N, C-alpha and C. Protein backbone atom coordinates (compact mmCIF):
# COMPACT_ATOMS: atom_id res chain seq x y z
N MET A 1 88.64 106.54 123.06
CA MET A 1 89.82 106.59 122.73
C MET A 1 91.05 106.95 123.58
N ASN A 2 91.85 106.11 123.81
CA ASN A 2 92.86 106.40 124.83
C ASN A 2 94.11 107.05 124.35
N VAL A 3 94.21 108.47 124.48
CA VAL A 3 94.78 109.42 123.77
C VAL A 3 96.34 109.42 124.65
N GLN A 4 96.56 108.53 125.66
CA GLN A 4 97.55 108.55 126.38
C GLN A 4 98.36 107.67 125.22
N ARG A 5 97.85 106.68 124.58
CA ARG A 5 98.62 105.61 124.10
C ARG A 5 98.86 106.26 122.70
N ILE A 6 98.69 107.52 122.11
CA ILE A 6 98.89 107.83 120.98
C ILE A 6 99.90 109.01 120.85
N LYS A 7 100.80 109.27 120.20
CA LYS A 7 101.24 110.37 120.15
C LYS A 7 101.99 110.78 118.73
N LEU A 8 101.77 111.94 118.42
CA LEU A 8 101.71 112.61 117.40
C LEU A 8 102.92 113.73 116.73
N VAL A 9 103.37 113.67 115.87
CA VAL A 9 104.22 114.57 115.33
C VAL A 9 103.86 115.19 114.17
N VAL A 10 103.93 116.37 113.76
CA VAL A 10 103.80 117.08 112.51
C VAL A 10 104.42 117.42 111.86
N PRO A 11 105.47 116.55 111.17
CA PRO A 11 106.34 117.09 110.32
C PRO A 11 106.20 118.14 109.35
N VAL A 12 104.92 118.11 108.71
CA VAL A 12 104.58 119.10 107.52
C VAL A 12 103.22 119.77 108.19
N ALA A 13 103.10 120.95 108.62
CA ALA A 13 102.05 121.53 109.14
C ALA A 13 101.18 122.32 107.78
N GLY A 14 100.12 122.35 107.89
CA GLY A 14 99.20 123.08 106.97
C GLY A 14 99.98 124.69 106.41
N TRP A 15 100.51 125.23 107.44
CA TRP A 15 100.66 126.63 107.34
C TRP A 15 101.82 126.37 106.26
N ALA A 16 102.58 125.70 106.03
CA ALA A 16 103.73 125.37 105.26
C ALA A 16 103.55 125.00 103.76
N THR A 17 102.06 124.65 103.54
CA THR A 17 101.74 124.04 102.12
C THR A 17 100.67 125.04 101.99
N HIS A 18 100.54 126.24 102.47
CA HIS A 18 99.37 127.24 102.07
C HIS A 18 98.12 126.39 102.46
N GLY A 19 97.76 125.49 103.11
CA GLY A 19 96.85 124.72 103.61
C GLY A 19 96.29 123.56 102.77
N GLN A 20 97.30 123.25 101.68
CA GLN A 20 96.76 122.47 100.62
C GLN A 20 96.77 120.99 101.20
N TYR A 21 97.83 120.73 102.19
CA TYR A 21 97.96 119.41 103.07
C TYR A 21 98.72 119.64 104.18
N ALA A 22 98.76 118.45 105.07
CA ALA A 22 99.52 118.44 106.06
C ALA A 22 99.82 117.08 106.45
N LEU A 23 101.05 116.61 106.77
CA LEU A 23 101.59 115.09 107.37
C LEU A 23 101.60 115.16 108.78
N VAL A 24 101.33 114.21 109.24
CA VAL A 24 101.21 113.90 110.86
C VAL A 24 101.73 112.49 110.74
N GLU A 25 102.66 112.23 111.85
CA GLU A 25 103.02 110.87 111.89
C GLU A 25 102.36 110.42 113.33
N ALA A 26 101.77 109.27 113.85
CA ALA A 26 101.03 108.99 114.60
C ALA A 26 101.48 107.91 115.20
N ALA A 27 102.15 107.33 116.36
CA ALA A 27 102.86 106.41 116.98
C ALA A 27 101.73 105.67 118.01
N VAL A 28 101.21 104.51 117.69
CA VAL A 28 100.15 104.17 118.58
C VAL A 28 100.16 103.00 118.98
N GLU A 29 99.99 102.68 120.24
CA GLU A 29 100.19 101.42 121.17
C GLU A 29 99.19 100.40 120.52
N ALA A 30 99.49 99.23 120.64
CA ALA A 30 98.98 97.84 120.51
C ALA A 30 97.66 98.01 121.10
N GLY A 31 96.44 98.06 120.57
CA GLY A 31 94.83 97.75 120.67
C GLY A 31 94.53 99.19 120.89
N VAL A 32 95.06 100.24 120.50
CA VAL A 32 94.36 101.38 120.78
C VAL A 32 93.31 101.67 119.35
N GLU A 33 92.27 102.26 119.53
CA GLU A 33 91.32 101.98 118.29
C GLU A 33 90.97 103.78 118.49
N VAL A 34 90.74 103.84 117.28
CA VAL A 34 89.78 105.19 117.04
C VAL A 34 88.40 104.90 116.59
N PRO A 35 87.56 105.29 117.33
CA PRO A 35 86.13 105.19 116.98
C PRO A 35 85.42 105.43 115.84
N ALA A 36 84.44 104.77 115.20
CA ALA A 36 83.93 105.07 114.15
C ALA A 36 83.79 106.88 114.16
N HIS A 37 84.08 107.02 112.78
CA HIS A 37 83.77 108.50 112.58
C HIS A 37 83.51 108.95 111.22
N VAL A 38 83.00 110.20 110.88
CA VAL A 38 83.13 110.90 109.38
C VAL A 38 84.02 112.05 109.44
N GLY A 39 84.94 112.16 108.85
CA GLY A 39 85.62 113.27 108.40
C GLY A 39 84.99 114.02 107.12
N HIS A 40 84.35 115.20 107.63
CA HIS A 40 83.67 116.02 106.40
C HIS A 40 84.78 116.71 105.53
N ARG A 41 85.95 117.55 106.17
CA ARG A 41 86.58 118.37 105.27
C ARG A 41 87.86 117.86 104.69
N GLU A 42 88.14 116.87 105.11
CA GLU A 42 89.68 116.45 104.25
C GLU A 42 89.64 114.80 103.94
N ASP A 43 90.36 114.57 102.86
CA ASP A 43 90.56 113.21 102.62
C ASP A 43 92.11 112.72 103.43
N VAL A 44 91.92 111.49 103.41
CA VAL A 44 93.24 111.04 104.16
C VAL A 44 93.81 109.94 103.44
N VAL A 45 95.13 109.82 103.29
CA VAL A 45 96.05 108.90 103.16
C VAL A 45 96.69 108.14 104.27
N LEU A 46 96.57 106.88 104.51
CA LEU A 46 97.66 106.31 105.48
C LEU A 46 98.66 105.70 105.10
N TYR A 47 99.83 105.44 105.61
CA TYR A 47 101.03 105.20 104.96
C TYR A 47 101.46 104.33 106.14
N VAL A 48 101.66 102.92 106.48
CA VAL A 48 102.08 102.15 107.63
C VAL A 48 103.59 101.99 107.69
N LEU A 49 104.54 102.68 108.51
CA LEU A 49 105.66 102.80 108.63
C LEU A 49 106.21 101.63 109.26
N GLU A 50 105.48 101.08 110.19
CA GLU A 50 105.86 99.85 111.08
C GLU A 50 104.57 99.36 111.86
N GLY A 51 104.46 98.03 111.98
CA GLY A 51 103.47 97.49 112.94
C GLY A 51 102.40 97.15 111.86
N GLU A 52 100.95 96.96 112.50
CA GLU A 52 99.89 96.58 111.73
C GLU A 52 98.75 97.34 112.25
N VAL A 53 97.99 97.53 111.46
CA VAL A 53 96.83 98.67 111.41
C VAL A 53 95.44 97.99 110.69
N GLU A 54 94.62 97.95 111.14
CA GLU A 54 93.30 97.48 110.91
C GLU A 54 92.56 98.98 110.48
N VAL A 55 91.94 99.23 109.38
CA VAL A 55 91.20 100.11 109.05
C VAL A 55 89.78 99.58 108.17
N VAL A 56 88.68 100.05 108.98
CA VAL A 56 87.50 99.68 108.34
C VAL A 56 86.89 101.42 107.49
N ALA A 57 86.77 101.13 106.20
CA ALA A 57 86.08 102.50 105.73
C ALA A 57 84.84 101.78 104.97
N ASP A 58 84.03 102.35 104.94
CA ASP A 58 82.71 102.23 104.19
C ASP A 58 82.57 100.95 104.07
N ARG A 59 82.47 100.25 105.58
CA ARG A 59 82.28 98.91 105.61
C ARG A 59 83.14 97.68 105.29
N GLU A 60 84.28 98.22 104.56
CA GLU A 60 85.16 97.28 104.21
C GLU A 60 86.33 97.35 104.96
N ARG A 61 86.91 96.26 105.24
CA ARG A 61 87.82 95.87 106.42
C ARG A 61 89.38 95.65 105.68
N HIS A 62 90.32 96.35 106.01
CA HIS A 62 91.58 96.14 105.37
C HIS A 62 92.72 96.08 106.54
N ARG A 63 93.53 95.01 106.35
CA ARG A 63 94.67 95.16 107.35
C ARG A 63 95.84 95.53 106.68
N LEU A 64 96.80 96.93 107.53
CA LEU A 64 97.56 97.47 106.43
C LEU A 64 99.01 96.76 107.26
N LYS A 65 99.84 96.82 106.79
CA LYS A 65 101.22 96.33 107.30
C LYS A 65 102.32 97.30 106.58
N PRO A 66 103.46 97.19 107.13
CA PRO A 66 104.60 98.16 106.66
C PRO A 66 104.53 98.51 105.10
N GLY A 67 104.67 99.72 104.62
CA GLY A 67 104.63 99.79 103.22
C GLY A 67 103.78 100.08 102.57
N GLU A 68 102.31 99.86 103.25
CA GLU A 68 101.04 99.82 102.71
C GLU A 68 100.27 100.97 102.89
N THR A 69 99.50 101.53 101.66
CA THR A 69 98.42 102.50 102.08
C THR A 69 97.07 102.26 102.19
N ARG A 70 96.33 102.97 102.54
CA ARG A 70 94.91 103.05 102.13
C ARG A 70 94.51 104.46 102.09
N SER A 71 93.55 104.91 101.22
CA SER A 71 93.15 106.30 100.79
C SER A 71 91.60 106.06 101.61
N LEU A 72 91.45 107.37 102.60
CA LEU A 72 90.11 107.61 102.87
C LEU A 72 89.11 108.58 102.52
N ASP A 73 88.23 108.63 101.82
CA ASP A 73 87.58 109.66 101.41
C ASP A 73 86.73 110.41 102.40
N ARG A 74 86.70 111.50 102.21
CA ARG A 74 85.96 112.44 102.87
C ARG A 74 84.51 112.24 102.89
N GLY A 75 83.90 112.26 104.26
CA GLY A 75 82.26 111.60 103.90
C GLY A 75 81.81 110.39 104.31
N VAL A 76 82.80 109.54 104.49
CA VAL A 76 82.90 108.04 104.35
C VAL A 76 83.03 107.79 105.67
N PRO A 77 82.28 106.93 106.40
CA PRO A 77 82.14 106.44 107.78
C PRO A 77 83.88 105.71 107.84
N ARG A 78 84.50 105.70 108.77
CA ARG A 78 85.61 105.01 109.17
C ARG A 78 86.19 104.77 110.50
N ARG A 79 87.00 103.67 110.65
CA ARG A 79 87.55 103.26 112.27
C ARG A 79 88.89 102.48 111.90
N LEU A 80 89.64 102.95 112.93
CA LEU A 80 91.17 102.01 112.90
C LEU A 80 91.64 101.64 114.11
N LYS A 81 92.17 100.77 114.26
CA LYS A 81 92.74 99.88 115.29
C LYS A 81 93.71 99.48 115.28
N ALA A 82 95.30 99.73 116.14
CA ALA A 82 96.34 99.28 116.30
C ALA A 82 96.21 97.99 116.39
N ILE A 83 96.52 97.01 115.61
CA ILE A 83 96.62 95.52 116.03
C ILE A 83 98.20 95.09 116.44
N THR A 84 99.12 96.05 116.20
CA THR A 84 99.95 95.86 117.00
C THR A 84 100.97 97.33 117.00
N ARG A 85 101.73 97.47 118.06
CA ARG A 85 102.46 98.67 118.11
C ARG A 85 102.66 99.27 116.61
N ALA A 86 102.51 100.35 116.38
CA ALA A 86 102.53 101.05 115.00
C ALA A 86 102.90 102.54 114.98
N ARG A 87 103.61 102.95 113.63
CA ARG A 87 103.89 104.14 113.36
C ARG A 87 103.18 104.49 112.01
N VAL A 88 102.44 105.49 111.93
CA VAL A 88 101.52 105.44 110.72
C VAL A 88 101.92 106.97 110.25
N LEU A 89 101.90 106.94 108.97
CA LEU A 89 101.97 108.33 108.59
C LEU A 89 101.02 108.89 107.91
N VAL A 90 100.22 110.02 108.33
CA VAL A 90 98.77 110.25 107.88
C VAL A 90 98.87 111.55 106.77
N LEU A 91 98.44 111.67 105.97
CA LEU A 91 98.54 112.92 104.76
C LEU A 91 96.92 113.39 105.17
N LEU A 92 96.73 114.48 105.34
CA LEU A 92 95.52 115.39 105.52
C LEU A 92 95.40 116.23 104.23
N ALA A 93 94.20 116.27 103.43
CA ALA A 93 94.34 117.07 102.33
C ALA A 93 92.70 118.00 102.59
N PRO A 94 92.44 118.75 102.39
CA PRO A 94 93.12 119.96 103.11
C PRO A 94 93.92 119.72 104.13
N ALA A 95 94.77 120.57 104.71
CA ALA A 95 95.19 120.89 105.98
C ALA A 95 94.20 121.65 106.79
N GLY A 96 94.49 121.68 108.06
CA GLY A 96 93.86 122.23 109.00
C GLY A 96 93.47 121.16 110.12
N LEU A 97 93.45 120.04 110.33
CA LEU A 97 93.05 119.34 111.24
C LEU A 97 94.02 118.79 111.92
N GLU A 98 95.11 118.86 111.45
CA GLU A 98 96.38 118.55 112.42
C GLU A 98 96.43 119.11 113.54
N GLU A 99 95.88 120.67 113.19
CA GLU A 99 96.15 121.54 114.72
C GLU A 99 95.46 121.08 115.72
N LEU A 100 94.09 120.50 115.56
CA LEU A 100 93.02 120.30 116.34
C LEU A 100 93.51 118.89 116.68
N LEU A 101 94.14 118.23 116.06
CA LEU A 101 94.61 116.76 116.28
C LEU A 101 95.44 116.70 117.71
N ALA A 102 96.43 117.74 117.30
CA ALA A 102 97.58 117.83 118.31
C ALA A 102 96.94 118.05 119.85
N ILE A 103 95.74 118.97 120.07
CA ILE A 103 95.14 119.46 121.14
C ILE A 103 94.25 118.22 121.49
N ALA A 104 93.60 117.38 120.74
CA ALA A 104 92.66 116.32 121.25
C ALA A 104 93.55 115.28 121.54
N ALA A 105 94.86 115.21 121.04
CA ALA A 105 95.81 113.94 121.53
C ALA A 105 96.12 114.33 122.84
N ASP A 106 96.23 115.63 123.55
CA ASP A 106 96.75 115.70 124.54
C ASP A 106 96.27 115.19 125.55
N PRO A 107 96.69 114.29 126.63
CA PRO A 107 95.95 113.79 127.88
C PRO A 107 95.33 114.35 128.69
N ALA A 108 95.41 115.63 128.73
CA ALA A 108 95.25 116.59 129.77
C ALA A 108 93.82 117.19 129.26
N THR A 109 93.44 117.07 127.70
CA THR A 109 92.19 117.55 127.51
C THR A 109 91.25 116.74 127.78
N ASP A 110 90.10 117.48 128.05
CA ASP A 110 88.90 116.85 128.95
C ASP A 110 88.32 116.41 127.63
N PRO A 111 87.67 114.75 128.03
CA PRO A 111 86.87 114.18 127.03
C PRO A 111 85.92 115.07 126.02
N ASP A 112 84.82 115.50 127.11
CA ASP A 112 84.00 116.57 126.21
C ASP A 112 84.60 117.70 125.56
N ASP A 113 85.56 118.18 126.06
CA ASP A 113 86.24 119.25 125.08
C ASP A 113 86.65 118.58 123.52
N ARG A 114 87.21 117.58 123.94
CA ARG A 114 87.99 116.75 122.56
C ARG A 114 86.89 116.34 122.05
N ALA A 115 85.95 115.96 122.09
CA ALA A 115 84.49 115.68 121.49
C ALA A 115 84.23 117.24 120.69
N ALA A 116 83.82 117.75 121.55
CA ALA A 116 83.51 119.24 120.73
C ALA A 116 84.62 120.11 120.00
N LEU A 117 85.83 119.73 120.08
CA LEU A 117 87.18 120.41 119.27
C LEU A 117 87.03 119.69 117.80
N LEU A 118 86.67 118.20 117.74
CA LEU A 118 86.81 117.29 116.71
C LEU A 118 85.54 117.78 115.75
N ALA A 119 84.35 117.96 116.51
CA ALA A 119 83.01 118.29 115.86
C ALA A 119 83.04 119.90 115.02
N VAL A 120 83.87 120.66 115.89
CA VAL A 120 84.21 121.82 115.06
C VAL A 120 85.24 122.08 113.97
N GLY A 121 86.17 120.73 113.88
CA GLY A 121 87.04 120.52 113.01
C GLY A 121 86.45 119.55 111.99
N GLY A 122 84.70 119.40 112.13
CA GLY A 122 84.46 118.53 110.93
C GLY A 122 84.36 116.91 111.07
N VAL A 123 85.05 116.69 112.31
CA VAL A 123 84.92 114.96 112.27
C VAL A 123 83.72 114.47 113.53
N GLN A 124 82.68 113.94 112.44
CA GLN A 124 81.47 113.68 113.44
C GLN A 124 81.71 112.29 113.90
N ALA A 125 81.41 111.85 115.27
CA ALA A 125 81.21 110.41 115.76
C ALA A 125 80.11 109.84 115.30
N VAL A 126 80.10 108.39 115.06
CA VAL A 126 79.27 107.44 114.40
C VAL A 126 78.91 106.62 115.70
N PRO A 127 77.47 106.63 116.12
CA PRO A 127 77.16 105.54 117.05
C PRO A 127 77.62 104.55 116.90
N ALA A 128 77.65 103.78 117.68
CA ALA A 128 78.09 102.12 117.98
C ALA A 128 76.60 101.67 117.51
N ALA A 129 76.66 100.64 116.61
CA ALA A 129 75.58 99.81 115.99
C ALA A 129 75.21 98.67 117.13
């Protein structure tokens, strides 16, 4: 994952919702892929503001355009790819992962540290087939 091509903003942090949810805005350059993984702690809702994003969840492929949403249940393998430059709102419920994502998306974070940090946050990488 090329984190230098992903910019995150957290307009609603989990502390503001007593941990119920967090809202993250991701600006992603075309071609950036979030590799296959399983989130074990939170359900995710994606809402595309701009651009086009491909989402594969539980082997089902969806192309999302502005105004479209996709729910990603916890425990289900998923991967994402920006087909074009995109802006996506990401609702995380419950909150918590947004704090780790901010660190993981920092280009200065060592890749091994990034993987360990995400693992602590309940995100498990899925090996490529």
